Amino acid sequence: MTGASIIDNRNHGAVGAFLKERLCAGADLSIVSAYFTIHAFAALKEELGAINHLRFLFGEPTFVSGGGVAKTPRAYKFEDDRLDIAADAQLSQKAIARQCAQWLREKAEVRSMVKPNFLHGKMYYIKPEGKNTQTYALTGSSNFTVHGLGLSRGENKNIELNLIAHDDHDRAELAAWFDELWNESADIVEDVKDKVIQYISTFYADNPPQFVYYKTLYHIFKDYLEDAKKSAGLVENQSFLAAAIWNKLYDFQKDGVKGAIHKIEKYGGCII
């Protein structure tokens, strides 16, 4: 069979359905995606649980280093952040994350591109068990998220553009392309399996009450803290730091002055 078929998660099928129909016991699965979410795993848990092995390649890196600056976290995404995720999936997120982490430990290799904005393609390649079995491949725009797979509820679904590769030669070329990227040198591709599992494990970790308390305080006051940082920068540029009266202020009074300066700069006035 030759030619290609469109899958757009709208009027021409869904990527999730494509995978559900073709993933079978003992299959090897290779994926290129910018994102991997635990809710996408949950939507395909039965099928993914039966496969032999997964190779997952992130098109965007977790960390980027440059110019001697400390590494900066990048945009790995593990949760689907739009509001039409089913409520039961949100409530069971802790259990889903635990199951996903265990599955990754047992069946997956996870690597990532080192350079940002370097790989934009998305691909799903399935090799069923056996030497002469037919492979399946799909390439296009769908990330490994609930929305990218077309498995979200309601009408708020991504419109994607993916093509099924029906030709044996095309599928072989896609497999070779993936293998070439997967086996690139460490300055192009890095192993991030442990980092991914460690991050996902935070979703189900039992945190002490003190940590939850501090985290709650941070989310309540984070805007104030950001303003305080900006205020500190403004005050450092003021000549009155050398004034005797500044050194007579208590720390909380200095914080008040910093906050007032920031508000004057931002809003044009301040009431004390």
C-alpha atoms as a PDB file:
ATOM      1  CA  MET A   1       0.000   0.000   0.000  1.00  0.00           C
ATOM      2  CA  THR A   2       1.394   3.416  -0.956  1.00  0.00           C
ATOM      3  CA  GLY A   3       0.470   6.999  -0.265  1.00  0.00           C
ATOM      4  CA  ALA A   4      -0.248   8.730   3.018  1.00  0.00           C
ATOM      5  CA  SER A   5      -3.330   9.364   5.148  1.00  0.00           C
ATOM      6  CA  ILE A   6      -4.022  12.504   7.163  1.00  0.00           C
ATOM      7  CA  ILE A   7      -4.731  12.352  10.885  1.00  0.00           C
ATOM      8  CA  ASP A   8      -5.794  15.713  12.267  1.00  0.00           C
ATOM      9  CA  ASN A   9      -7.587  14.852  15.556  1.00  0.00           C
ATOM     10  CA  ARG A  10     -10.712  16.439  14.104  1.00  0.00           C
ATOM     11  CA  ASN A  11     -12.332  15.113  10.925  1.00  0.00           C
ATOM     12  CA  HIS A  12      -9.644  12.629   9.936  1.00  0.00           C
ATOM     13  CA  GLY A  13      -9.110  10.418  12.960  1.00  0.00           C
ATOM     14  CA  ALA A  14      -6.956  10.852  16.049  1.00  0.00           C
ATOM     15  CA  VAL A  15      -3.354   9.974  16.809  1.00  0.00           C
ATOM     16  CA  GLY A  16      -4.437   8.280  20.033  1.00  0.00           C
ATOM     17  CA  ALA A  17      -6.731   5.956  18.088  1.00  0.00           C
ATOM     18  CA  PHE A  18      -3.910   5.219  15.619  1.00  0.00           C
ATOM     19  CA  LEU A  19      -1.688   4.120  18.512  1.00  0.00           C
ATOM     20  CA  LYS A  20      -4.399   2.159  20.312  1.00  0.00           C
ATOM     21  CA  GLU A  21      -5.134   0.145  17.181  1.00  0.00           C
ATOM     22  CA  ARG A  22      -1.517  -0.713  16.411  1.00  0.00           C
ATOM     23  CA  LEU A  23       0.300  -1.037  19.733  1.00  0.00           C
ATOM     24  CA  CYS A  24       0.437  -4.707  20.593  1.00  0.00           C
ATOM     25  CA  ALA A  25       2.118  -6.987  23.112  1.00  0.00           C
ATOM     26  CA  GLY A  26       5.876  -7.137  22.596  1.00  0.00           C
ATOM     27  CA  ALA A  27       6.057  -4.127  20.252  1.00  0.00           C
ATOM     28  CA  ASP A  28       8.883  -1.601  20.288  1.00  0.00           C
ATOM     29  CA  LEU A  29       7.796   2.042  20.194  1.00  0.00           C
ATOM     30  CA  SER A  30       9.883   5.079  19.226  1.00  0.00           C
ATOM     31  CA  ILE A  31       8.592   8.626  19.753  1.00  0.00           C
ATOM     32  CA  VAL A  32       9.907  12.120  18.994  1.00  0.00           C
ATOM     33  CA  SER A  33       7.952  14.825  20.811  1.00  0.00           C
ATOM     34  CA  ALA A  34       8.511  18.132  22.557  1.00  0.00           C
ATOM     35  CA  TYR A  35       6.349  16.974  25.486  1.00  0.00           C
ATOM     36  CA  PHE A  36       5.519  13.850  27.438  1.00  0.00           C
ATOM     37  CA  THR A  37       2.597  14.081  29.871  1.00  0.00           C
ATOM     38  CA  ILE A  38       1.462  11.622  32.486  1.00  0.00           C
ATOM     39  CA  HIS A  39      -2.164  12.052  31.396  1.00  0.00           C
ATOM     40  CA  ALA A  40      -1.256  10.942  27.876  1.00  0.00           C
ATOM     41  CA  PHE A  41       0.384   7.896  29.439  1.00  0.00           C
ATOM     42  CA  ALA A  42      -2.786   7.241  31.425  1.00  0.00           C
ATOM     43  CA  ALA A  43      -4.951   7.446  28.282  1.00  0.00           C
ATOM     44  CA  LEU A  44      -2.828   4.699  26.670  1.00  0.00           C
ATOM     45  CA  LYS A  45      -1.829   2.848  29.847  1.00  0.00           C
ATOM     46  CA  GLU A  46      -3.209  -0.542  28.828  1.00  0.00           C
ATOM     47  CA  GLU A  47      -1.526  -0.497  25.412  1.00  0.00           C
ATOM     48  CA  LEU A  48       1.754   0.955  26.694  1.00  0.00           C
ATOM     49  CA  GLY A  49       1.862  -1.561  29.516  1.00  0.00           C
ATOM     50  CA  ALA A  50       1.956  -4.406  26.998  1.00  0.00           C
ATOM     51  CA  ILE A  51       4.792  -3.150  24.789  1.00  0.00           C
ATOM     52  CA  ASN A  52       8.335  -4.422  25.031  1.00  0.00           C
ATOM     53  CA  HIS A  53      10.284  -1.176  24.946  1.00  0.00           C
ATOM     54  CA  LEU A  54       9.985   2.594  24.416  1.00  0.00           C
ATOM     55  CA  ARG A  55      12.591   5.005  23.102  1.00  0.00           C
ATOM     56  CA  PHE A  56      11.428   8.569  23.741  1.00  0.00           C
ATOM     57  CA  LEU A  57      13.356  11.517  22.314  1.00  0.00           C
ATOM     58  CA  PHE A  58      12.519  15.008  23.550  1.00  0.00           C
ATOM     59  CA  GLY A  59      12.825  17.558  20.776  1.00  0.00           C
ATOM     60  CA  GLU A  60      13.428  20.285  23.385  1.00  0.00           C
ATOM     61  CA  PRO A  61      16.062  19.972  26.115  1.00  0.00           C
ATOM     62  CA  THR A  62      15.449  19.982  29.844  1.00  0.00           C
ATOM     63  CA  PHE A  63      18.468  22.185  30.419  1.00  0.00           C
ATOM     64  CA  VAL A  64      20.487  24.590  28.356  1.00  0.00           C
ATOM     65  CA  SER A  65      23.964  25.770  29.261  1.00  0.00           C
ATOM     66  CA  GLY A  66      25.700  28.684  27.694  1.00  0.00           C
ATOM     67  CA  GLY A  67      28.341  31.292  28.246  1.00  0.00           C
ATOM     68  CA  GLY A  68      29.438  29.835  31.553  1.00  0.00           C
ATOM     69  CA  VAL A  69      26.059  30.608  33.078  1.00  0.00           C
ATOM     70  CA  ALA A  70      24.470  28.027  35.349  1.00  0.00           C
ATOM     71  CA  LYS A  71      22.110  25.711  33.540  1.00  0.00           C
ATOM     72  CA  THR A  72      18.598  27.096  33.171  1.00  0.00           C
ATOM     73  CA  PRO A  73      15.508  24.841  33.395  1.00  0.00           C
ATOM     74  CA  ARG A  74      13.710  24.382  30.096  1.00  0.00           C
ATOM     75  CA  ALA A  75      10.148  23.541  29.214  1.00  0.00           C
ATOM     76  CA  TYR A  76       9.712  19.841  29.834  1.00  0.00           C
ATOM     77  CA  LYS A  77       6.023  19.375  30.330  1.00  0.00           C
ATOM     78  CA  PHE A  78       4.503  16.504  32.282  1.00  0.00           C
ATOM     79  CA  GLU A  79       0.970  17.756  32.956  1.00  0.00           C
ATOM     80  CA  ASP A  80      -1.748  18.679  30.474  1.00  0.00           C
ATOM     81  CA  ASP A  81      -2.542  22.223  31.544  1.00  0.00           C
ATOM     82  CA  ARG A  82      -5.807  22.960  29.769  1.00  0.00           C
ATOM     83  CA  LEU A  83      -9.078  22.810  31.655  1.00  0.00           C
ATOM     84  CA  ASP A  84     -10.867  20.022  29.797  1.00  0.00           C
ATOM     85  CA  ILE A  85      -8.828  17.227  31.351  1.00  0.00           C
ATOM     86  CA  ALA A  86     -11.380  14.983  33.032  1.00  0.00           C
ATOM     87  CA  ALA A  87     -11.848  15.717  36.736  1.00  0.00           C
ATOM     88  CA  ASP A  88     -11.250  12.079  37.658  1.00  0.00           C
ATOM     89  CA  ALA A  89      -7.870  12.199  35.882  1.00  0.00           C
ATOM     90  CA  GLN A  90      -6.887  15.307  37.845  1.00  0.00           C
ATOM     91  CA  LEU A  91      -7.908  13.717  41.141  1.00  0.00           C
ATOM     92  CA  SER A  92      -5.991  10.513  40.405  1.00  0.00           C
ATOM     93  CA  GLN A  93      -2.846  12.316  39.260  1.00  0.00           C
ATOM     94  CA  LYS A  94      -0.771  11.007  42.159  1.00  0.00           C
ATOM     95  CA  ALA A  95      -1.507   7.384  41.282  1.00  0.00           C
ATOM     96  CA  ILE A  96      -1.013   8.040  37.571  1.00  0.00           C
ATOM     97  CA  ALA A  97       2.396   9.627  38.191  1.00  0.00           C
ATOM     98  CA  ARG A  98       3.497   6.680  40.334  1.00  0.00           C
ATOM     99  CA  GLN A  99       2.432   4.178  37.657  1.00  0.00           C
ATOM    100  CA  CYS A 100       4.079   6.215  34.915  1.00  0.00           C
ATOM    101  CA  ALA A 101       7.385   6.471  36.775  1.00  0.00           C
ATOM    102  CA  GLN A 102       7.433   2.716  37.381  1.00  0.00           C
ATOM    103  CA  TRP A 103       6.614   2.003  33.743  1.00  0.00           C
ATOM    104  CA  LEU A 104       9.423   4.292  32.588  1.00  0.00           C
ATOM    105  CA  ARG A 105      11.876   2.522  34.899  1.00  0.00           C
ATOM    106  CA  GLU A 106      10.957  -0.874  33.491  1.00  0.00           C
ATOM    107  CA  LYS A 107      10.389  -0.231  29.799  1.00  0.00           C
ATOM    108  CA  ALA A 108      11.784   3.064  28.604  1.00  0.00           C
ATOM    109  CA  GLU A 109      14.882   4.888  27.515  1.00  0.00           C
ATOM    110  CA  VAL A 110      14.564   8.675  27.466  1.00  0.00           C
ATOM    111  CA  ARG A 111      16.910  11.048  25.718  1.00  0.00           C
ATOM    112  CA  SER A 112      16.773  14.730  24.862  1.00  0.00           C
ATOM    113  CA  MET A 113      18.220  17.126  22.351  1.00  0.00           C
ATOM    114  CA  VAL A 114      20.812  19.331  24.032  1.00  0.00           C
ATOM    115  CA  LYS A 115      20.277  22.420  21.860  1.00  0.00           C
ATOM    116  CA  PRO A 116      16.966  24.332  22.087  1.00  0.00           C
ATOM    117  CA  ASN A 117      14.869  25.015  18.988  1.00  0.00           C
ATOM    118  CA  PHE A 118      16.915  22.454  17.090  1.00  0.00           C
ATOM    119  CA  LEU A 119      14.428  19.641  16.420  1.00  0.00           C
ATOM    120  CA  HIS A 120      10.830  20.465  15.516  1.00  0.00           C
ATOM    121  CA  GLY A 121       9.592  17.165  14.074  1.00  0.00           C
ATOM    122  CA  LYS A 122       7.181  14.762  15.799  1.00  0.00           C
ATOM    123  CA  MET A 123       7.125  11.044  15.031  1.00  0.00           C
ATOM    124  CA  TYR A 124       5.604   7.768  16.237  1.00  0.00           C
ATOM    125  CA  TYR A 125       7.127   4.506  15.009  1.00  0.00           C
ATOM    126  CA  ILE A 126       5.860   1.049  15.991  1.00  0.00           C
ATOM    127  CA  LYS A 127       7.720  -2.188  15.353  1.00  0.00           C
ATOM    128  CA  PRO A 128       5.611  -5.209  16.347  1.00  0.00           C
ATOM    129  CA  GLU A 129       7.308  -8.307  17.764  1.00  0.00           C
ATOM    130  CA  GLY A 130       8.799 -10.590  15.143  1.00  0.00           C
ATOM    131  CA  LYS A 131      11.324 -10.262  12.325  1.00  0.00           C
ATOM    132  CA  ASN A 132       9.051  -9.857   9.325  1.00  0.00           C
ATOM    133  CA  THR A 133       6.091  -8.029  10.830  1.00  0.00           C
ATOM    134  CA  GLN A 134       4.781  -4.826   9.258  1.00  0.00           C
ATOM    135  CA  THR A 135       5.878  -1.620  10.956  1.00  0.00           C
ATOM    136  CA  TYR A 136       3.754   1.497  11.415  1.00  0.00           C
ATOM    137  CA  ALA A 137       4.818   5.138  11.324  1.00  0.00           C
ATOM    138  CA  LEU A 138       3.205   8.521  11.672  1.00  0.00           C
ATOM    139  CA  THR A 139       4.874  11.906  11.457  1.00  0.00           C
ATOM    140  CA  GLY A 140       3.586  15.457  11.804  1.00  0.00           C
ATOM    141  CA  SER A 141       2.690  17.906  14.562  1.00  0.00           C
ATOM    142  CA  SER A 142       1.240  15.891  17.467  1.00  0.00           C
ATOM    143  CA  ASN A 143       3.046  15.927  20.801  1.00  0.00           C
ATOM    144  CA  PHE A 144       2.621  13.160  23.342  1.00  0.00           C
ATOM    145  CA  THR A 145      -0.058  14.988  25.333  1.00  0.00           C
ATOM    146  CA  VAL A 146      -3.775  14.262  25.752  1.00  0.00           C
ATOM    147  CA  HIS A 147      -4.546  17.128  23.388  1.00  0.00           C
ATOM    148  CA  GLY A 148      -1.823  16.252  20.908  1.00  0.00           C
ATOM    149  CA  LEU A 149      -3.165  12.692  20.705  1.00  0.00           C
ATOM    150  CA  GLY A 150      -6.727  13.902  20.202  1.00  0.00           C
ATOM    151  CA  LEU A 151      -7.938  12.175  23.366  1.00  0.00           C
ATOM    152  CA  SER A 152      -9.238  15.197  25.284  1.00  0.00           C
ATOM    153  CA  ARG A 153     -12.903  15.507  26.117  1.00  0.00           C
ATOM    154  CA  GLY A 154     -15.232  18.140  24.718  1.00  0.00           C
ATOM    155  CA  GLU A 155     -14.816  20.342  21.677  1.00  0.00           C
ATOM    156  CA  ASN A 156     -11.599  22.074  22.721  1.00  0.00           C
ATOM    157  CA  LYS A 157      -9.231  19.855  20.715  1.00  0.00           C
ATOM    158  CA  ASN A 158      -6.061  20.634  18.850  1.00  0.00           C
ATOM    159  CA  ILE A 159      -6.236  20.527  15.062  1.00  0.00           C
ATOM    160  CA  GLU A 160      -3.065  18.706  14.047  1.00  0.00           C
ATOM    161  CA  LEU A 161      -1.552  17.673  10.739  1.00  0.00           C
ATOM    162  CA  ASN A 162      -0.032  14.205  10.700  1.00  0.00           C
ATOM    163  CA  LEU A 163       0.602  11.730   7.890  1.00  0.00           C
ATOM    164  CA  ILE A 164       0.631   7.942   8.101  1.00  0.00           C
ATOM    165  CA  ALA A 165       3.524   6.459   6.144  1.00  0.00           C
ATOM    166  CA  HIS A 166       2.141   3.493   4.201  1.00  0.00           C
ATOM    167  CA  ASP A 167       5.162   2.849   2.004  1.00  0.00           C
ATOM    168  CA  ASP A 168       7.753   0.345   3.274  1.00  0.00           C
ATOM    169  CA  HIS A 169      10.608   2.508   2.033  1.00  0.00           C
ATOM    170  CA  ASP A 170       9.263   5.609   3.810  1.00  0.00           C
ATOM    171  CA  ARG A 171       8.874   3.744   7.092  1.00  0.00           C
ATOM    172  CA  ALA A 172      12.390   2.364   6.800  1.00  0.00           C
ATOM    173  CA  GLU A 173      13.741   5.864   6.198  1.00  0.00           C
ATOM    174  CA  LEU A 174      11.872   7.216   9.233  1.00  0.00           C
ATOM    175  CA  ALA A 175      13.291   4.415  11.384  1.00  0.00           C
ATOM    176  CA  ALA A 176      16.807   5.154  10.119  1.00  0.00           C
ATOM    177  CA  TRP A 177      16.302   8.897  10.735  1.00  0.00           C
ATOM    178  CA  PHE A 178      15.261   8.211  14.328  1.00  0.00           C
ATOM    179  CA  ASP A 179      18.193   5.830  14.928  1.00  0.00           C
ATOM    180  CA  GLU A 180      20.609   8.418  13.571  1.00  0.00           C
ATOM    181  CA  LEU A 181      19.339  11.077  15.988  1.00  0.00           C
ATOM    182  CA  TRP A 182      19.069   8.648  18.899  1.00  0.00           C
ATOM    183  CA  ASN A 183      22.722   7.648  18.561  1.00  0.00           C
ATOM    184  CA  GLU A 184      24.110  11.166  18.174  1.00  0.00           C
ATOM    185  CA  SER A 185      27.052  12.246  20.311  1.00  0.00           C
ATOM    186  CA  ALA A 186      26.605  13.622  23.820  1.00  0.00           C
ATOM    187  CA  ASP A 187      26.910  17.217  22.619  1.00  0.00           C
ATOM    188  CA  ILE A 188      23.729  16.696  20.555  1.00  0.00           C
ATOM    189  CA  VAL A 189      21.678  14.190  22.576  1.00  0.00           C
ATOM    190  CA  GLU A 190      21.806  13.361  26.285  1.00  0.00           C
ATOM    191  CA  ASP A 191      20.266  10.662  28.459  1.00  0.00           C
ATOM    192  CA  VAL A 192      17.617  12.217  30.730  1.00  0.00           C
ATOM    193  CA  LYS A 193      15.712   9.171  31.979  1.00  0.00           C
ATOM    194  CA  ASP A 194      16.752   9.621  35.604  1.00  0.00           C
ATOM    195  CA  LYS A 195      15.891  13.336  35.517  1.00  0.00           C
ATOM    196  CA  VAL A 196      12.447  12.641  34.061  1.00  0.00           C
ATOM    197  CA  ILE A 197      11.638   9.934  36.612  1.00  0.00           C
ATOM    198  CA  GLN A 198      12.899  12.129  39.447  1.00  0.00           C
ATOM    199  CA  TYR A 199      10.674  14.990  38.308  1.00  0.00           C
ATOM    200  CA  ILE A 200       7.587  12.807  37.887  1.00  0.00           C
ATOM    201  CA  SER A 201       8.186  11.319  41.329  1.00  0.00           C
ATOM    202  CA  THR A 202       7.588  14.757  42.860  1.00  0.00           C
ATOM    203  CA  PHE A 203       3.922  14.408  41.823  1.00  0.00           C
ATOM    204  CA  TYR A 204       3.383  11.551  44.265  1.00  0.00           C
ATOM    205  CA  ALA A 205       5.993  12.254  46.928  1.00  0.00           C
ATOM    206  CA  ASP A 206       4.712  12.638  50.491  1.00  0.00           C
ATOM    207  CA  ASN A 207       5.750  16.121  51.529  1.00  0.00           C
ATOM    208  CA  PRO A 208       6.011  17.194  55.182  1.00  0.00           C
ATOM    209  CA  PRO A 209       3.385  19.717  56.413  1.00  0.00           C
ATOM    210  CA  GLN A 210       6.091  22.359  56.841  1.00  0.00           C
ATOM    211  CA  PHE A 211       6.944  22.161  53.120  1.00  0.00           C
ATOM    212  CA  VAL A 212       3.271  22.474  52.127  1.00  0.00           C
ATOM    213  CA  TYR A 213       2.937  25.466  54.475  1.00  0.00           C
ATOM    214  CA  TYR A 214       5.962  27.228  52.998  1.00  0.00           C
ATOM    215  CA  LYS A 215       4.829  26.487  49.445  1.00  0.00           C
ATOM    216  CA  THR A 216       1.393  27.920  50.235  1.00  0.00           C
ATOM    217  CA  LEU A 217       2.967  31.082  51.641  1.00  0.00           C
ATOM    218  CA  TYR A 218       5.130  31.413  48.549  1.00  0.00           C
ATOM    219  CA  HIS A 219       2.163  31.255  46.170  1.00  0.00           C
ATOM    220  CA  ILE A 220       0.273  33.814  48.286  1.00  0.00           C
ATOM    221  CA  PHE A 221       3.157  36.268  48.496  1.00  0.00           C
ATOM    222  CA  LYS A 222       5.189  35.541  45.347  1.00  0.00           C
ATOM    223  CA  ASP A 223       4.052  38.758  43.628  1.00  0.00           C
ATOM    224  CA  TYR A 224       5.170  40.752  46.650  1.00  0.00           C
ATOM    225  CA  LEU A 225       8.519  38.933  46.644  1.00  0.00           C
ATOM    226  CA  GLU A 226       9.041  39.719  42.970  1.00  0.00           C
ATOM    227  CA  ASP A 227       8.266  43.378  43.665  1.00  0.00           C
ATOM    228  CA  ALA A 228      10.744  43.316  46.535  1.00  0.00           C
ATOM    229  CA  LYS A 229      13.481  42.049  44.215  1.00  0.00           C
ATOM    230  CA  LYS A 230      12.791  44.847  41.757  1.00  0.00           C
ATOM    231  CA  SER A 231      12.669  47.385  44.567  1.00  0.00           C
ATOM    232  CA  ALA A 232      16.073  46.267  45.823  1.00  0.00           C
ATOM    233  CA  GLY A 233      17.535  46.981  42.395  1.00  0.00           C
ATOM    234  CA  LEU A 234      16.022  50.465  42.372  1.00  0.00           C
ATOM    235  CA  VAL A 235      17.251  51.317  45.862  1.00  0.00           C
ATOM    236  CA  GLU A 236      20.796  50.277  45.031  1.00  0.00           C
ATOM    237  CA  ASN A 237      20.880  53.104  42.510  1.00  0.00           C
ATOM    238  CA  GLN A 238      19.783  55.776  45.007  1.00  0.00           C
ATOM    239  CA  SER A 239      22.317  58.130  46.584  1.00  0.00           C
ATOM    240  CA  PHE A 240      20.492  58.164  49.909  1.00  0.00           C
ATOM    241  CA  LEU A 241      22.000  54.738  50.725  1.00  0.00           C
ATOM    242  CA  ALA A 242      24.916  56.719  52.038  1.00  0.00           C
ATOM    243  CA  ALA A 243      22.687  58.992  54.117  1.00  0.00           C
ATOM    244  CA  ALA A 244      22.817  58.712  57.886  1.00  0.00           C
ATOM    245  CA  ILE A 245      19.039  58.422  58.193  1.00  0.00           C
ATOM    246  CA  TRP A 246      18.965  55.289  55.994  1.00  0.00           C
ATOM    247  CA  ASN A 247      21.308  53.524  58.373  1.00  0.00           C
ATOM    248  CA  LYS A 248      19.091  54.444  61.315  1.00  0.00           C
ATOM    249  CA  LEU A 249      16.088  52.619  59.840  1.00  0.00           C
ATOM    250  CA  TYR A 250      15.092  49.172  61.006  1.00  0.00           C
ATOM    251  CA  ASP A 251      15.097  46.403  58.389  1.00  0.00           C
ATOM    252  CA  PHE A 252      11.301  46.386  58.097  1.00  0.00           C
ATOM    253  CA  GLN A 253      11.373  50.174  57.534  1.00  0.00           C
ATOM    254  CA  LYS A 254      13.947  49.759  54.777  1.00  0.00           C
ATOM    255  CA  ASP A 255      11.693  47.153  53.154  1.00  0.00           C
ATOM    256  CA  GLY A 256       8.853  49.673  53.328  1.00  0.00           C
ATOM    257  CA  VAL A 257      10.948  52.338  51.611  1.00  0.00           C
ATOM    258  CA  LYS A 258      11.978  49.894  48.886  1.00  0.00           C
ATOM    259  CA  GLY A 259       8.365  48.895  48.305  1.00  0.00           C
ATOM    260  CA  ALA A 260       7.265  52.537  48.164  1.00  0.00           C
ATOM    261  CA  ILE A 261       9.950  53.411  45.602  1.00  0.00           C
ATOM    262  CA  HIS A 262       8.926  50.496  43.409  1.00  0.00           C
ATOM    263  CA  LYS A 263       5.249  51.495  43.544  1.00  0.00           C
ATOM    264  CA  ILE A 264       6.090  55.117  42.740  1.00  0.00           C
ATOM    265  CA  GLU A 265       8.110  53.982  39.736  1.00  0.00           C
ATOM    266  CA  LYS A 266       5.427  51.528  38.606  1.00  0.00           C
ATOM    267  CA  TYR A 267       2.191  53.382  39.395  1.00  0.00           C
ATOM    268  CA  GLY A 268       3.281  57.014  39.711  1.00  0.00           C
ATOM    269  CA  GLY A 269       2.392  57.272  43.399  1.00  0.00           C
ATOM    270  CA  CYS A 270       2.136  55.468  46.705  1.00  0.00           C
ATOM    271  CA  ILE A 271       0.061  55.820  49.891  1.00  0.00           C
ATOM    272  CA  ILE A 272       1.923  55.028  53.109  1.00  0.00           C
END
